């Protein structure tokens, strides 16, 4: 079963993540950060990865530690659920429009983490949420998930739409990458024989 449950406990946050790569996109995410929960719900729904996330963080300081630590834990949970990555497609890409915004994602579950982030948020906040935390989440997720992740905003002027298009675009690319390739379901998708 391609599932995992991970807990991360620090002086700043307490996080538990449960995922099922072969799910239907069911989600139950409660981090105490409303907009972030909305984005995590999109990530689950459009990747078809079942996701339950619970986070208690030092929100009296700000949302940064909670958002980053969820990214760390979710990346680690993804890596654990993938195991040796036998049979996966490995690569995924998506160009996703959302009203004024269009975001392009390409990713590789390579075990070589790298983030290219060409996304400019026109505002510093979406409600009370700091827009710079979108990048912080994906940096943590890519690093701890072993993902080469390229995210490019092609255009857009509404920060909410840009952020949501980014999460949905990553989700759709991730959906393709984690799927088992029926033509190579027993093989590791690398000429090296390991990822």
Protein backbone atom coordinates (compact mmCIF):
# COMPACT_ATOMS: atom_id res chain seq x y z
CA UNK A 1 0.00 0.00 0.00
CA UNK A 2 1.35 3.40 -0.99
CA UNK A 3 0.41 5.14 2.22
CA UNK A 4 2.24 6.84 5.06
CA UNK A 5 1.65 8.62 8.35
CA UNK A 6 4.29 10.96 9.76
CA UNK A 7 4.46 13.17 12.82
CA UNK A 8 6.84 16.09 13.30
CA UNK A 9 7.16 17.65 16.74
CA UNK A 10 9.26 20.73 17.50
CA UNK A 11 9.14 23.61 19.96
CA UNK A 12 7.27 25.57 17.27
CA UNK A 13 4.83 23.08 15.75
CA UNK A 14 3.13 19.70 16.14
CA UNK A 15 2.23 18.21 12.75
CA UNK A 16 0.67 14.92 11.68
CA UNK A 17 0.26 14.01 8.00
CA UNK A 18 -1.53 10.95 6.58
CA UNK A 19 -1.52 10.33 2.83
CA UNK A 20 -2.68 7.66 0.41
CA UNK A 21 -1.21 7.97 -3.08
CA UNK A 22 -3.91 5.71 -4.54
CA UNK A 23 -6.82 7.70 -3.16
CA UNK A 24 -9.58 9.77 -4.69
CA UNK A 25 -8.47 13.21 -3.49
CA UNK A 26 -10.32 13.06 -0.17
CA UNK A 27 -9.06 15.64 2.32
CA UNK A 28 -9.40 16.73 5.93
CA UNK A 29 -6.84 19.46 6.61
CA UNK A 30 -6.78 21.63 9.72
CA UNK A 31 -3.72 23.78 10.30
CA UNK A 32 -5.27 26.82 11.96
CA UNK A 33 -4.46 28.89 8.85
CA UNK A 34 -7.64 29.20 6.81
CA UNK A 35 -6.24 30.12 3.41
CA UNK A 36 -3.51 27.49 3.72
CA UNK A 37 -6.11 24.81 4.51
CA UNK A 38 -7.94 25.86 1.34
CA UNK A 39 -4.72 25.42 -0.67
CA UNK A 40 -3.95 22.02 0.89
CA UNK A 41 -7.49 20.92 0.03
CA UNK A 42 -6.80 21.88 -3.60
CA UNK A 43 -3.51 19.98 -3.53
CA UNK A 44 -5.27 16.82 -2.34
CA UNK A 45 -8.32 17.13 -4.59
CA UNK A 46 -6.44 17.67 -7.82
CA UNK A 47 -3.60 15.21 -7.17
CA UNK A 48 -6.07 12.47 -6.14
CA UNK A 49 -3.87 11.92 -3.07
CA UNK A 50 -5.98 11.40 0.04
CA UNK A 51 -4.66 13.78 2.67
CA UNK A 52 -5.33 14.35 6.35
CA UNK A 53 -3.22 17.03 8.00
CA UNK A 54 -3.35 18.29 11.56
CA UNK A 55 -1.11 21.13 12.68
CA UNK A 56 -0.78 23.10 15.88
CA UNK A 57 1.74 25.89 15.57
CA UNK A 58 2.89 29.13 17.15
CA UNK A 59 0.33 31.18 15.22
CA UNK A 60 0.56 33.92 17.87
CA UNK A 61 3.95 34.69 16.29
CA UNK A 62 2.90 34.23 12.64
CA UNK A 63 1.99 31.50 10.14
CA UNK A 64 5.52 30.88 8.87
CA UNK A 65 6.56 27.94 11.07
CA UNK A 66 3.25 26.14 10.55
CA UNK A 67 3.27 26.49 6.76
CA UNK A 68 6.94 25.53 6.40
CA UNK A 69 6.72 22.57 8.78
CA UNK A 70 3.64 21.22 7.01
CA UNK A 71 5.65 21.39 3.78
CA UNK A 72 8.52 19.49 5.42
CA UNK A 73 6.25 16.80 6.86
CA UNK A 74 4.16 16.41 3.70
CA UNK A 75 7.33 16.03 1.61
CA UNK A 76 8.65 13.37 3.98
CA UNK A 77 5.29 11.56 3.93
CA UNK A 78 5.27 11.59 0.12
CA UNK A 79 8.77 10.15 0.03
CA UNK A 80 7.84 7.42 2.52
CA UNK A 81 4.68 6.48 0.60
CA UNK A 82 6.63 6.23 -2.69
CA UNK A 83 9.12 3.75 -1.22
CA UNK A 84 11.70 2.78 -3.86
CA UNK A 85 9.50 4.46 -6.53
CA UNK A 86 9.16 1.25 -8.48
CA UNK A 87 6.65 1.57 -11.30
CA UNK A 88 5.88 5.29 -11.03
CA UNK A 89 5.77 7.58 -14.03
CA UNK A 90 8.21 9.87 -12.17
CA UNK A 91 7.59 13.01 -14.25
CA UNK A 92 4.60 15.30 -14.37
CA UNK A 93 3.69 18.63 -15.92
CA UNK A 94 0.66 20.89 -16.08
CA UNK A 95 -0.28 24.29 -17.45
CA UNK A 96 -3.25 25.44 -15.41
CA UNK A 97 -5.47 28.48 -15.97
CA UNK A 98 -7.54 30.07 -13.22
CA UNK A 99 -9.34 33.20 -14.39
CA UNK A 100 -6.59 35.83 -14.92
CA UNK A 101 -3.81 33.52 -13.73
CA UNK A 102 -1.95 30.82 -15.60
CA UNK A 103 0.76 28.71 -13.93
CA UNK A 104 3.02 26.09 -15.46
CA UNK A 105 4.53 23.27 -13.37
CA UNK A 106 7.05 20.60 -14.32
CA UNK A 107 8.36 18.16 -11.74
CA UNK A 108 10.54 15.09 -11.36
CA UNK A 109 10.42 12.74 -8.36
CA UNK A 110 14.16 12.37 -8.75
CA UNK A 111 15.40 12.39 -5.12
CA UNK A 112 17.35 15.48 -6.21
CA UNK A 113 15.50 18.40 -4.62
CA UNK A 114 15.57 21.67 -6.48
CA UNK A 115 13.05 24.51 -6.67
CA UNK A 116 12.74 27.00 -9.50
CA UNK A 117 10.08 29.54 -8.49
CA UNK A 118 9.15 32.21 -11.02
CA UNK A 119 5.95 33.42 -9.38
CA UNK A 120 5.39 37.08 -8.55
CA UNK A 121 2.56 37.81 -6.15
CA UNK A 122 1.19 41.33 -6.73
CA UNK A 123 0.16 41.73 -3.08
CA UNK A 124 1.88 40.94 0.21
CA UNK A 125 -1.27 39.41 1.71
CA UNK A 126 -4.27 37.29 0.75
CA UNK A 127 -6.60 38.21 3.58
CA UNK A 128 -4.28 37.74 6.58
CA UNK A 129 -2.05 35.18 4.81
CA UNK A 130 1.47 36.26 3.79
CA UNK A 131 1.83 35.48 0.08
CA UNK A 132 5.59 34.81 0.48
CA UNK A 133 4.62 31.67 2.41
CA UNK A 134 3.43 29.98 -0.79
CA UNK A 135 7.05 29.76 -1.92
CA UNK A 136 8.17 28.71 1.58
CA UNK A 137 5.72 25.79 1.50
CA UNK A 138 6.89 24.56 -1.90
CA UNK A 139 10.56 24.98 -0.97
CA UNK A 140 10.06 22.76 2.10
CA UNK A 141 7.89 20.28 0.18
CA UNK A 142 10.39 19.94 -2.69
CA UNK A 143 13.41 19.68 -0.40
CA UNK A 144 11.97 17.02 1.89
CA UNK A 145 10.09 15.19 -0.86
CA UNK A 146 13.18 14.92 -3.07
CA UNK A 147 11.42 16.74 -5.90
CA UNK A 148 12.88 18.78 -8.73
CA UNK A 149 10.07 21.34 -8.98
CA UNK A 150 9.74 24.16 -11.51
CA UNK A 151 6.81 26.55 -11.09
CA UNK A 152 6.36 29.47 -13.50
CA UNK A 153 3.61 32.06 -13.50
CA UNK A 154 2.83 32.83 -17.12
CA UNK A 155 0.49 35.68 -16.21
CA UNK A 156 -1.93 36.89 -13.58
CA UNK A 157 -2.87 39.89 -11.44
CA UNK A 158 -4.96 38.45 -8.59
CA UNK A 159 -2.82 36.95 -5.80
CA UNK A 160 -5.51 34.49 -4.69
CA UNK A 161 -5.89 33.17 -8.22
CA UNK A 162 -2.11 32.94 -8.73
CA UNK A 163 -1.57 31.03 -5.48
CA UNK A 164 -4.47 28.68 -6.16
CA UNK A 165 -3.34 28.07 -9.75
CA UNK A 166 0.13 27.19 -8.40
CA UNK A 167 -1.24 24.64 -5.92
CA UNK A 168 -3.57 23.12 -8.52
CA UNK A 169 -0.87 22.99 -11.19
CA UNK A 170 1.55 21.25 -8.82
CA UNK A 171 -1.25 18.88 -7.82
CA UNK A 172 -2.02 17.87 -11.40
CA UNK A 173 1.66 17.34 -12.19
CA UNK A 174 2.08 15.32 -9.00
CA UNK A 175 -0.93 13.18 -9.92
CA UNK A 176 0.79 12.13 -13.15
CA UNK A 177 4.19 11.59 -11.52
CA UNK A 178 3.03 9.30 -8.69
CA UNK A 179 0.79 7.15 -10.89
CA UNK A 180 1.93 3.62 -11.66
CA UNK A 181 2.83 3.15 -15.31
CA UNK A 182 1.12 -0.10 -16.39
CA UNK A 183 3.81 -0.63 -19.07
CA UNK A 184 6.63 -0.55 -16.47
CA UNK A 185 4.93 -1.31 -13.16
CA UNK A 186 7.79 -3.45 -11.83
CA UNK A 187 10.68 -1.20 -12.81
CA UNK A 188 12.37 1.77 -11.24
CA UNK A 189 12.13 4.65 -13.74
CA UNK A 190 15.85 5.34 -14.06
CA UNK A 191 18.71 3.85 -16.06
CA UNK A 192 20.68 3.91 -12.80
CA UNK A 193 18.26 1.37 -11.30
CA UNK A 194 17.62 3.53 -8.24
CA UNK A 195 16.07 6.87 -7.37
